[in-house]
Protein backbone atom coordinates (compact mmCIF):
# COMPACT_ATOMS: atom_id res chain seq x y z
CA MET A 1 -29.15 28.97 33.30
CA ARG A 2 -28.14 25.74 33.75
CA ILE A 3 -29.77 23.37 35.97
CA LEU A 4 -28.84 19.68 36.60
CA SER A 5 -30.58 17.71 39.27
CA GLY A 6 -31.05 13.79 40.23
CA ILE A 7 -33.27 11.81 42.67
CA GLN A 8 -32.60 8.50 43.92
CA PRO A 9 -35.21 7.20 44.57
CA SER A 10 -35.27 4.62 47.85
CA GLY A 11 -37.65 2.14 46.19
CA ALA A 12 -40.05 2.25 43.40
CA LEU A 13 -41.09 5.71 42.21
CA HIS A 14 -44.40 7.10 43.73
CA ILE A 15 -46.54 10.18 43.86
CA GLY A 16 -44.27 11.71 46.69
CA ASN A 17 -40.97 11.73 44.28
CA TYR A 18 -43.60 13.53 41.51
CA PHE A 19 -44.59 16.21 43.43
CA GLY A 20 -41.16 16.47 45.30
CA MET A 21 -38.41 16.60 42.18
CA MET A 22 -40.52 15.90 39.45
CA ARG A 23 -43.17 18.41 39.35
CA PRO A 24 -40.75 21.21 40.03
CA ALA A 25 -38.72 19.74 37.61
CA VAL A 26 -40.60 20.44 34.40
CA ALA A 27 -41.83 23.89 35.90
CA LEU A 28 -37.86 25.04 35.47
CA GLN A 29 -37.54 23.66 31.76
CA THR A 30 -38.48 27.23 30.45
CA GLU A 31 -36.12 28.76 32.78
CA GLY A 32 -32.95 26.92 30.72
CA GLU A 33 -31.20 24.47 30.00
CA ALA A 34 -32.28 21.68 32.42
CA LEU A 35 -31.21 18.37 32.13
CA TYR A 36 -32.24 15.72 35.10
CA PHE A 37 -31.90 11.85 35.84
CA VAL A 38 -32.72 8.89 38.18
CA ALA A 39 -29.69 7.94 39.86
CA ASP A 40 -29.80 3.88 40.20
CA TYR A 41 -26.80 2.98 41.99
CA HIS A 42 -27.72 -0.69 41.42
CA ALA A 43 -27.44 -1.00 38.10
CA LEU A 44 -23.98 -0.59 38.13
CA THR A 45 -23.12 -2.94 40.68
CA SER A 46 -25.49 -5.99 39.27
CA LEU A 47 -24.38 -8.14 36.10
CA ARG A 48 -26.89 -8.45 33.25
CA ASP A 49 -26.94 -11.23 30.81
CA PRO A 50 -27.00 -9.35 27.77
C-alpha cells in the first residue's frame, strides 16, 4: 500500500500536530511505502537571500 499525506500547520508545530497527524503517520509506516510532507506555502512566496 502507498500512503501520501501532508500537514499544513497554522503556525509552529505543536503537540496537537503530533497526536493528530505525526503519531498515526509513524504507525502506518509499517503498512507499506509512506511519504509525508509539511506544506509551507509561505516558502514558495518569499524571497531568500542565497
